[in-house]
């Protein structure tokens, strides 16, 4: 599962804004690793407030970065899908 955020531009087309998830290999169903640093800093908190992230189930560390692995509420996520 990949979660990306788009902005609807003045032309009416969707412009990619940011990619929320990081591909760190196979995950359990409805689980994603969230990129919550650099330009995405704070996105985890926003996804939790929206109800898209149910809970953080673990963390995966690669290099100097620790990625929260989160359970996603697909029903809530689908409300935001264009």
PDB file of N, CA and C in Angstrom:
ATOM      1  N   UNK A   1       0.847  -1.170   0.000  1.00  0.00           N
ATOM      2  CA  UNK A   1       0.000   0.000   0.000  1.00  0.00           C
ATOM      3  C   UNK A   1       0.893   1.234   0.000  1.00  0.00           C
ATOM      4  N   UNK A   2       0.569   2.173  -0.836  1.00  0.00           N
ATOM      5  CA  UNK A   2       1.295   3.433  -0.905  1.00  0.00           C
ATOM      6  C   UNK A   2       0.298   4.559  -0.694  1.00  0.00           C
ATOM      7  N   UNK A   3       0.668   5.505   0.130  1.00  0.00           N
ATOM      8  CA  UNK A   3      -0.192   6.660   0.365  1.00  0.00           C
ATOM      9  C   UNK A   3       0.538   7.892  -0.146  1.00  0.00           C
ATOM     10  N   UNK A   4      -0.105   8.606  -1.058  1.00  0.00           N
ATOM     11  CA  UNK A   4       0.447   9.841  -1.586  1.00  0.00           C
ATOM     12  C   UNK A   4      -0.581  10.947  -1.407  1.00  0.00           C
ATOM     13  N   UNK A   5      -0.088  12.168  -1.241  1.00  0.00           N
ATOM     14  CA  UNK A   5      -0.962  13.325  -1.064  1.00  0.00           C
ATOM     15  C   UNK A   5      -0.813  14.210  -2.300  1.00  0.00           C
ATOM     16  N   UNK A   6      -1.949  14.637  -2.836  1.00  0.00           N
ATOM     17  CA  UNK A   6      -1.970  15.491  -4.018  1.00  0.00           C
ATOM     18  C   UNK A   6      -2.668  16.795  -3.695  1.00  0.00           C
ATOM     19  N   UNK A   7      -2.322  17.813  -4.444  1.00  0.00           N
ATOM     20  CA  UNK A   7      -2.967  19.118  -4.341  1.00  0.00           C
ATOM     21  C   UNK A   7      -3.650  19.382  -5.675  1.00  0.00           C
ATOM     22  N   UNK A   8      -4.891  19.835  -5.622  1.00  0.00           N
ATOM     23  CA  UNK A   8      -5.595  20.187  -6.851  1.00  0.00           C
ATOM     24  C   UNK A   8      -5.166  21.602  -7.237  1.00  0.00           C
ATOM     25  N   UNK A   9      -4.493  21.708  -8.362  1.00  0.00           N
ATOM     26  CA  UNK A   9      -3.977  22.998  -8.827  1.00  0.00           C
ATOM     27  C   UNK A   9      -5.062  23.843  -9.461  1.00  0.00           C
ATOM     28  N   UNK A  10      -4.684  25.048  -9.856  1.00  0.00           N
ATOM     29  CA  UNK A  10      -5.627  25.979 -10.478  1.00  0.00           C
ATOM     30  C   UNK A  10      -6.180  25.433 -11.785  1.00  0.00           C
ATOM     31  N   UNK A  11      -5.424  24.561 -12.431  1.00  0.00           N
ATOM     32  CA  UNK A  11      -5.875  23.981 -13.695  1.00  0.00           C
ATOM     33  C   UNK A  11      -6.886  22.858 -13.477  1.00  0.00           C
ATOM     34  N   UNK A  12      -7.055  22.445 -12.213  1.00  0.00           N
ATOM     35  CA  UNK A  12      -7.978  21.356 -11.909  1.00  0.00           C
ATOM     36  C   UNK A  12      -7.315  19.998 -11.890  1.00  0.00           C
ATOM     37  N   UNK A  13      -6.027  19.962 -12.229  1.00  0.00           N
ATOM     38  CA  UNK A  13      -5.294  18.696 -12.210  1.00  0.00           C
ATOM     39  C   UNK A  13      -4.656  18.475 -10.842  1.00  0.00           C
ATOM     40  N   UNK A  14      -4.482  17.205 -10.490  1.00  0.00           N
ATOM     41  CA  UNK A  14      -3.856  16.854  -9.223  1.00  0.00           C
ATOM     42  C   UNK A  14      -2.342  16.899  -9.372  1.00  0.00           C
ATOM     43  N   UNK A  15      -1.703  17.707  -8.525  1.00  0.00           N
ATOM     44  CA  UNK A  15      -0.250  17.798  -8.498  1.00  0.00           C
ATOM     45  C   UNK A  15       0.268  17.012  -7.295  1.00  0.00           C
ATOM     46  N   UNK A  16       1.266  16.130  -7.499  1.00  0.00           N
ATOM     47  CA  UNK A  16       1.808  15.385  -6.357  1.00  0.00           C
ATOM     48  C   UNK A  16       2.408  16.349  -5.339  1.00  0.00           C
ATOM     49  N   UNK A  17       2.066  16.152  -4.082  1.00  0.00           N
ATOM     50  CA  UNK A  17       2.562  17.015  -3.016  1.00  0.00           C
ATOM     51  C   UNK A  17       3.604  16.283  -2.176  1.00  0.00           C
ATOM     52  N   UNK A  18       3.269  15.069  -1.707  1.00  0.00           N
ATOM     53  CA  UNK A  18       4.232  14.280  -0.941  1.00  0.00           C
ATOM     54  C   UNK A  18       3.822  12.818  -0.903  1.00  0.00           C
ATOM     55  N   UNK A  19       4.829  11.971  -0.717  1.00  0.00           N
ATOM     56  CA  UNK A  19       4.596  10.547  -0.508  1.00  0.00           C
ATOM     57  C   UNK A  19       4.712  10.294   0.979  1.00  0.00           C
ATOM     58  N   UNK A  20       3.697   9.691   1.556  1.00  0.00           N
ATOM     59  CA  UNK A  20       3.619   9.499   3.004  1.00  0.00           C
ATOM     60  C   UNK A  20       4.315   8.222   3.439  1.00  0.00           C
ATOM     61  N   UNK A  21       4.272   7.193   2.599  1.00  0.00           N
ATOM     62  CA  UNK A  21       4.787   5.887   3.005  1.00  0.00           C
ATOM     63  C   UNK A  21       6.161   5.621   2.408  1.00  0.00           C
ATOM     64  N   UNK A  22       6.855   4.684   3.020  1.00  0.00           N
ATOM     65  CA  UNK A  22       8.183   4.285   2.587  1.00  0.00           C
ATOM     66  C   UNK A  22       8.161   2.786   2.345  1.00  0.00           C
ATOM     67  N   UNK A  23       8.720   2.332   1.230  1.00  0.00           N
ATOM     68  CA  UNK A  23       8.749   0.905   0.925  1.00  0.00           C
ATOM     69  C   UNK A  23       9.954   0.271   1.624  1.00  0.00           C
ATOM     70  N   UNK A  24       9.694  -0.446   2.708  1.00  0.00           N
ATOM     71  CA  UNK A  24      10.749  -1.113   3.458  1.00  0.00           C
ATOM     72  C   UNK A  24      10.585  -2.626   3.400  1.00  0.00           C
ATOM     73  N   UNK A  25       9.925  -3.108   2.370  1.00  0.00           N
ATOM     74  CA  UNK A  25       9.704  -4.538   2.224  1.00  0.00           C
ATOM     75  C   UNK A  25       8.283  -4.903   2.583  1.00  0.00           C
ATOM     76  N   UNK A  26       7.983  -6.191   2.553  1.00  0.00           N
ATOM     77  CA  UNK A  26       6.614  -6.644   2.822  1.00  0.00           C
ATOM     78  C   UNK A  26       6.141  -6.244   4.222  1.00  0.00           C
ATOM     79  N   UNK A  27       4.899  -5.799   4.285  1.00  0.00           N
ATOM     80  CA  UNK A  27       4.265  -5.445   5.552  1.00  0.00           C
ATOM     81  C   UNK A  27       2.989  -6.278   5.700  1.00  0.00           C
ATOM     82  N   UNK A  28       2.503  -6.364   6.912  1.00  0.00           N
ATOM     83  CA  UNK A  28       1.227  -7.038   7.151  1.00  0.00           C
ATOM     84  C   UNK A  28       0.128  -6.255   6.441  1.00  0.00           C
ATOM     85  N   UNK A  29      -0.982  -6.902   6.125  1.00  0.00           N
ATOM     86  CA  UNK A  29      -2.097  -6.177   5.491  1.00  0.00           C
ATOM     87  C   UNK A  29      -2.503  -4.967   6.337  1.00  0.00           C
ATOM     88  N   UNK A  30      -2.799  -3.864   5.659  1.00  0.00           N
ATOM     89  CA  UNK A  30      -3.228  -2.612   6.282  1.00  0.00           C
ATOM     90  C   UNK A  30      -2.151  -1.983   7.166  1.00  0.00           C
ATOM     91  N   UNK A  31      -0.889  -2.318   6.921  1.00  0.00           N
ATOM     92  CA  UNK A  31       0.219  -1.720   7.658  1.00  0.00           C
ATOM     93  C   UNK A  31       1.166  -1.036   6.676  1.00  0.00           C
ATOM     94  N   UNK A  32       1.647   0.142   7.046  1.00  0.00           N
ATOM     95  CA  UNK A  32       2.597   0.875   6.218  1.00  0.00           C
ATOM     96  C   UNK A  32       3.665   1.512   7.108  1.00  0.00           C
ATOM     97  N   UNK A  33       4.840   1.712   6.526  1.00  0.00           N
ATOM     98  CA  UNK A  33       5.902   2.466   7.190  1.00  0.00           C
ATOM     99  C   UNK A  33       5.732   3.923   6.772  1.00  0.00           C
ATOM    100  N   UNK A  34       5.643   4.812   7.748  1.00  0.00           N
ATOM    101  CA  UNK A  34       5.386   6.224   7.480  1.00  0.00           C
ATOM    102  C   UNK A  34       6.698   7.007   7.462  1.00  0.00           C
ATOM    103  N   UNK A  35       6.884   7.812   6.424  1.00  0.00           N
ATOM    104  CA  UNK A  35       8.022   8.727   6.359  1.00  0.00           C
ATOM    105  C   UNK A  35       7.630   9.978   7.129  1.00  0.00           C
ATOM    106  N   UNK A  36       8.181  10.128   8.322  1.00  0.00           N
ATOM    107  CA  UNK A  36       7.780  11.216   9.225  1.00  0.00           C
ATOM    108  C   UNK A  36       8.981  12.111   9.562  1.00  0.00           C
ATOM    109  N   UNK A  37       9.805  12.410   8.566  1.00  0.00           N
ATOM    110  CA  UNK A  37      10.972  13.261   8.785  1.00  0.00           C
ATOM    111  C   UNK A  37      11.167  14.148   7.546  1.00  0.00           C
ATOM    112  N   UNK A  38      12.113  15.073   7.635  1.00  0.00           N
ATOM    113  CA  UNK A  38      12.425  16.020   6.557  1.00  0.00           C
ATOM    114  C   UNK A  38      11.146  16.741   6.125  1.00  0.00           C
ATOM    115  N   UNK A  39      10.836  16.734   4.827  1.00  0.00           N
ATOM    116  CA  UNK A  39       9.653  17.464   4.351  1.00  0.00           C
ATOM    117  C   UNK A  39       8.341  16.869   4.854  1.00  0.00           C
ATOM    118  N   UNK A  40       8.363  15.656   5.391  1.00  0.00           N
ATOM    119  CA  UNK A  40       7.161  14.996   5.913  1.00  0.00           C
ATOM    120  C   UNK A  40       7.040  15.109   7.436  1.00  0.00           C
ATOM    121  N   UNK A  41       7.907  15.848   8.070  1.00  0.00           N
ATOM    122  CA  UNK A  41       7.887  15.932   9.531  1.00  0.00           C
ATOM    123  C   UNK A  41       6.511  16.374  10.022  1.00  0.00           C
ATOM    124  N   UNK A  42       5.937  15.592  10.930  1.00  0.00           N
ATOM    125  CA  UNK A  42       4.622  15.889  11.493  1.00  0.00           C
ATOM    126  C   UNK A  42       3.461  15.196  10.781  1.00  0.00           C
ATOM    127  N   UNK A  43       3.735  14.510   9.677  1.00  0.00           N
ATOM    128  CA  UNK A  43       2.647  13.872   8.917  1.00  0.00           C
ATOM    129  C   UNK A  43       1.986  12.751   9.716  1.00  0.00           C
ATOM    130  N   UNK A  44       2.766  12.035  10.539  1.00  0.00           N
ATOM    131  CA  UNK A  44       2.177  10.957  11.344  1.00  0.00           C
ATOM    132  C   UNK A  44       1.099  11.507  12.270  1.00  0.00           C
ATOM    133  N   UNK A  45       1.395  12.592  12.936  1.00  0.00           N
ATOM    134  CA  UNK A  45       0.415  13.223  13.839  1.00  0.00           C
ATOM    135  C   UNK A  45      -0.848  13.634  13.080  1.00  0.00           C
ATOM    136  N   UNK A  46      -0.663  14.199  11.878  1.00  0.00           N
ATOM    137  CA  UNK A  46      -1.817  14.615  11.074  1.00  0.00           C
ATOM    138  C   UNK A  46      -2.663  13.420  10.657  1.00  0.00           C
ATOM    139  N   UNK A  47      -2.008  12.322  10.259  1.00  0.00           N
ATOM    140  CA  UNK A  47      -2.751  11.120   9.862  1.00  0.00           C
ATOM    141  C   UNK A  47      -3.494  10.508  11.044  1.00  0.00           C
ATOM    142  N   UNK A  48      -2.908  10.602  12.236  1.00  0.00           N
ATOM    143  CA  UNK A  48      -3.585  10.104  13.435  1.00  0.00           C
ATOM    144  C   UNK A  48      -4.813  10.956  13.749  1.00  0.00           C
ATOM    145  N   UNK A  49      -4.693  12.268  13.632  1.00  0.00           N
ATOM    146  CA  UNK A  49      -5.829  13.161  13.896  1.00  0.00           C
ATOM    147  C   UNK A  49      -6.975  12.928  12.921  1.00  0.00           C
ATOM    148  N   UNK A  50      -6.630  12.605  11.666  1.00  0.00           N
ATOM    149  CA  UNK A  50      -7.657  12.310  10.657  1.00  0.00           C
ATOM    150  C   UNK A  50      -8.287  10.935  10.854  1.00  0.00           C
ATOM    151  N   UNK A  51      -7.648  10.085  11.670  1.00  0.00           N
ATOM    152  CA  UNK A  51      -8.157   8.731  11.898  1.00  0.00           C
ATOM    153  C   UNK A  51      -7.645   7.717  10.887  1.00  0.00           C
ATOM    154  N   UNK A  52      -6.774   8.148   9.977  1.00  0.00           N
ATOM    155  CA  UNK A  52      -6.230   7.231   8.972  1.00  0.00           C
ATOM    156  C   UNK A  52      -5.286   6.234   9.626  1.00  0.00           C
ATOM    157  N   UNK A  53      -4.437   6.706  10.539  1.00  0.00           N
ATOM    158  CA  UNK A  53      -3.554   5.813  11.292  1.00  0.00           C
ATOM    159  C   UNK A  53      -4.259   5.410  12.568  1.00  0.00           C
ATOM    160  N   UNK A  54      -4.516   4.098  12.702  1.00  0.00           N
ATOM    161  CA  UNK A  54      -5.147   3.573  13.919  1.00  0.00           C
ATOM    162  C   UNK A  54      -4.163   3.567  15.079  1.00  0.00           C
ATOM    163  N   UNK A  55      -2.969   2.989  14.816  1.00  0.00           N
ATOM    164  CA  UNK A  55      -1.959   2.914  15.872  1.00  0.00           C
ATOM    165  C   UNK A  55      -0.603   2.602  15.264  1.00  0.00           C
ATOM    166  N   UNK A  56       0.434   2.979  16.000  1.00  0.00           N
ATOM    167  CA  UNK A  56       1.801   2.619  15.638  1.00  0.00           C
ATOM    168  C   UNK A  56       2.060   1.253  16.274  1.00  0.00           C
ATOM    169  N   UNK A  57       2.428   0.266  15.448  1.00  0.00           N
ATOM    170  CA  UNK A  57       2.595  -1.093  15.968  1.00  0.00           C
ATOM    171  C   UNK A  57       4.049  -1.451  16.242  1.00  0.00           C
ATOM    172  N   UNK A  58       4.977  -0.819  15.541  1.00  0.00           N
ATOM    173  CA  UNK A  58       6.406  -1.065  15.763  1.00  0.00           C
ATOM    174  C   UNK A  58       7.190   0.002  15.026  1.00  0.00           C
ATOM    175  N   UNK A  59       8.501  -0.098  15.061  1.00  0.00           N
ATOM    176  CA  UNK A  59       9.386   0.789  14.311  1.00  0.00           C
ATOM    177  C   UNK A  59      10.416  -0.054  13.570  1.00  0.00           C
ATOM    178  N   UNK A  60      10.809   0.407  12.391  1.00  0.00           N
ATOM    179  CA  UNK A  60      11.882  -0.218  11.632  1.00  0.00           C
ATOM    180  C   UNK A  60      12.981   0.828  11.494  1.00  0.00           C
ATOM    181  N   UNK A  61      14.188   0.465  11.906  1.00  0.00           N
ATOM    182  CA  UNK A  61      15.309   1.386  11.789  1.00  0.00           C
ATOM    183  C   UNK A  61      16.193   0.948  10.634  1.00  0.00           C
ATOM    184  N   UNK A  62      16.496   1.900   9.778  1.00  0.00           N
ATOM    185  CA  UNK A  62      17.406   1.662   8.673  1.00  0.00           C
ATOM    186  C   UNK A  62      18.365   2.844   8.618  1.00  0.00           C
ATOM    187  N   UNK A  63      19.648   2.563   8.738  1.00  0.00           N
ATOM    188  CA  UNK A  63      20.622   3.650   8.815  1.00  0.00           C
ATOM    189  C   UNK A  63      20.376   4.478  10.058  1.00  0.00           C
ATOM    190  N   UNK A  64      20.180   5.785   9.871  1.00  0.00           N
ATOM    191  CA  UNK A  64      19.948   6.700  10.993  1.00  0.00           C
ATOM    192  C   UNK A  64      18.477   7.032  11.184  1.00  0.00           C
ATOM    193  N   UNK A  65      17.617   6.436  10.396  1.00  0.00           N
ATOM    194  CA  UNK A  65      16.194   6.779  10.398  1.00  0.00           C
ATOM    195  C   UNK A  65      15.369   5.646  11.003  1.00  0.00           C
ATOM    196  N   UNK A  66      14.409   6.012  11.841  1.00  0.00           N
ATOM    197  CA  UNK A  66      13.458   5.050  12.399  1.00  0.00           C
ATOM    198  C   UNK A  66      12.083   5.365  11.828  1.00  0.00           C
ATOM    199  N   UNK A  67      11.493   4.385  11.173  1.00  0.00           N
ATOM    200  CA  UNK A  67      10.188   4.550  10.555  1.00  0.00           C
ATOM    201  C   UNK A  67       9.116   3.899  11.419  1.00  0.00           C
ATOM    202  N   UNK A  68       8.064   4.629  11.812  1.00  0.00           N
ATOM    203  CA  UNK A  68       6.959   3.988  12.506  1.00  0.00           C
ATOM    204  C   UNK A  68       6.158   3.135  11.516  1.00  0.00           C
ATOM    205  N   UNK A  69       5.878   1.904  11.909  1.00  0.00           N
ATOM    206  CA  UNK A  69       5.007   1.034  11.111  1.00  0.00           C
ATOM    207  C   UNK A  69       3.632   1.130  11.736  1.00  0.00           C
ATOM    208  N   UNK A  70       2.660   1.532  10.919  1.00  0.00           N
ATOM    209  CA  UNK A  70       1.340   1.878  11.434  1.00  0.00           C
ATOM    210  C   UNK A  70       0.247   1.032  10.808  1.00  0.00           C
ATOM    211  N   UNK A  71      -0.774   0.765  11.608  1.00  0.00           N
ATOM    212  CA  UNK A  71      -1.980   0.125  11.101  1.00  0.00           C
ATOM    213  C   UNK A  71      -2.882   1.225  10.555  1.00  0.00           C
ATOM    214  N   UNK A  72      -3.337   1.038   9.326  1.00  0.00           N
ATOM    215  CA  UNK A  72      -4.156   2.025   8.633  1.00  0.00           C
ATOM    216  C   UNK A  72      -5.625   1.614   8.673  1.00  0.00           C
ATOM    217  N   UNK A  73      -6.503   2.577   8.896  1.00  0.00           N
ATOM    218  CA  UNK A  73      -7.939   2.349   8.805  1.00  0.00           C
ATOM    219  C   UNK A  73      -8.345   2.624   7.361  1.00  0.00           C
ATOM    220  N   UNK A  74      -8.477   1.568   6.559  1.00  0.00           N
ATOM    221  CA  UNK A  74      -8.763   1.737   5.133  1.00  0.00           C
ATOM    222  C   UNK A  74     -10.111   2.400   4.878  1.00  0.00           C
ATOM    223  N   UNK A  75     -11.072   2.191   5.748  1.00  0.00           N
ATOM    224  CA  UNK A  75     -12.384   2.820   5.575  1.00  0.00           C
ATOM    225  C   UNK A  75     -12.261   4.339   5.655  1.00  0.00           C
ATOM    226  N   UNK A  76     -11.526   4.827   6.639  1.00  0.00           N
ATOM    227  CA  UNK A  76     -11.291   6.276   6.782  1.00  0.00           C
ATOM    228  C   UNK A  76     -10.435   6.776   5.623  1.00  0.00           C
ATOM    229  N   UNK A  77      -9.368   6.038   5.276  1.00  0.00           N
ATOM    230  CA  UNK A  77      -8.499   6.446   4.171  1.00  0.00           C
ATOM    231  C   UNK A  77      -9.297   6.610   2.881  1.00  0.00           C
ATOM    232  N   UNK A  78     -10.211   5.703   2.621  1.00  0.00           N
ATOM    233  CA  UNK A  78     -11.005   5.749   1.388  1.00  0.00           C
ATOM    234  C   UNK A  78     -11.890   7.000   1.311  1.00  0.00           C
ATOM    235  N   UNK A  79     -12.199   7.611   2.440  1.00  0.00           N
ATOM    236  CA  UNK A  79     -12.982   8.849   2.431  1.00  0.00           C
ATOM    237  C   UNK A  79     -12.196   9.989   1.788  1.00  0.00           C
ATOM    238  N   UNK A  80     -10.862   9.886   1.835  1.00  0.00           N
ATOM    239  CA  UNK A  80     -10.006  10.956   1.314  1.00  0.00           C
ATOM    240  C   UNK A  80      -9.470  10.640  -0.086  1.00  0.00           C
ATOM    241  N   UNK A  81      -9.813   9.502  -0.619  1.00  0.00           N
ATOM    242  CA  UNK A  81      -9.325   9.110  -1.944  1.00  0.00           C
ATOM    243  C   UNK A  81     -10.177   9.786  -3.001  1.00  0.00           C
ATOM    244  N   UNK A  82      -9.497  10.407  -3.945  1.00  0.00           N
ATOM    245  CA  UNK A  82     -10.212  11.115  -5.022  1.00  0.00           C
ATOM    246  C   UNK A  82     -10.615  10.154  -6.103  1.00  0.00           C
TER     247      UNK A  82
END
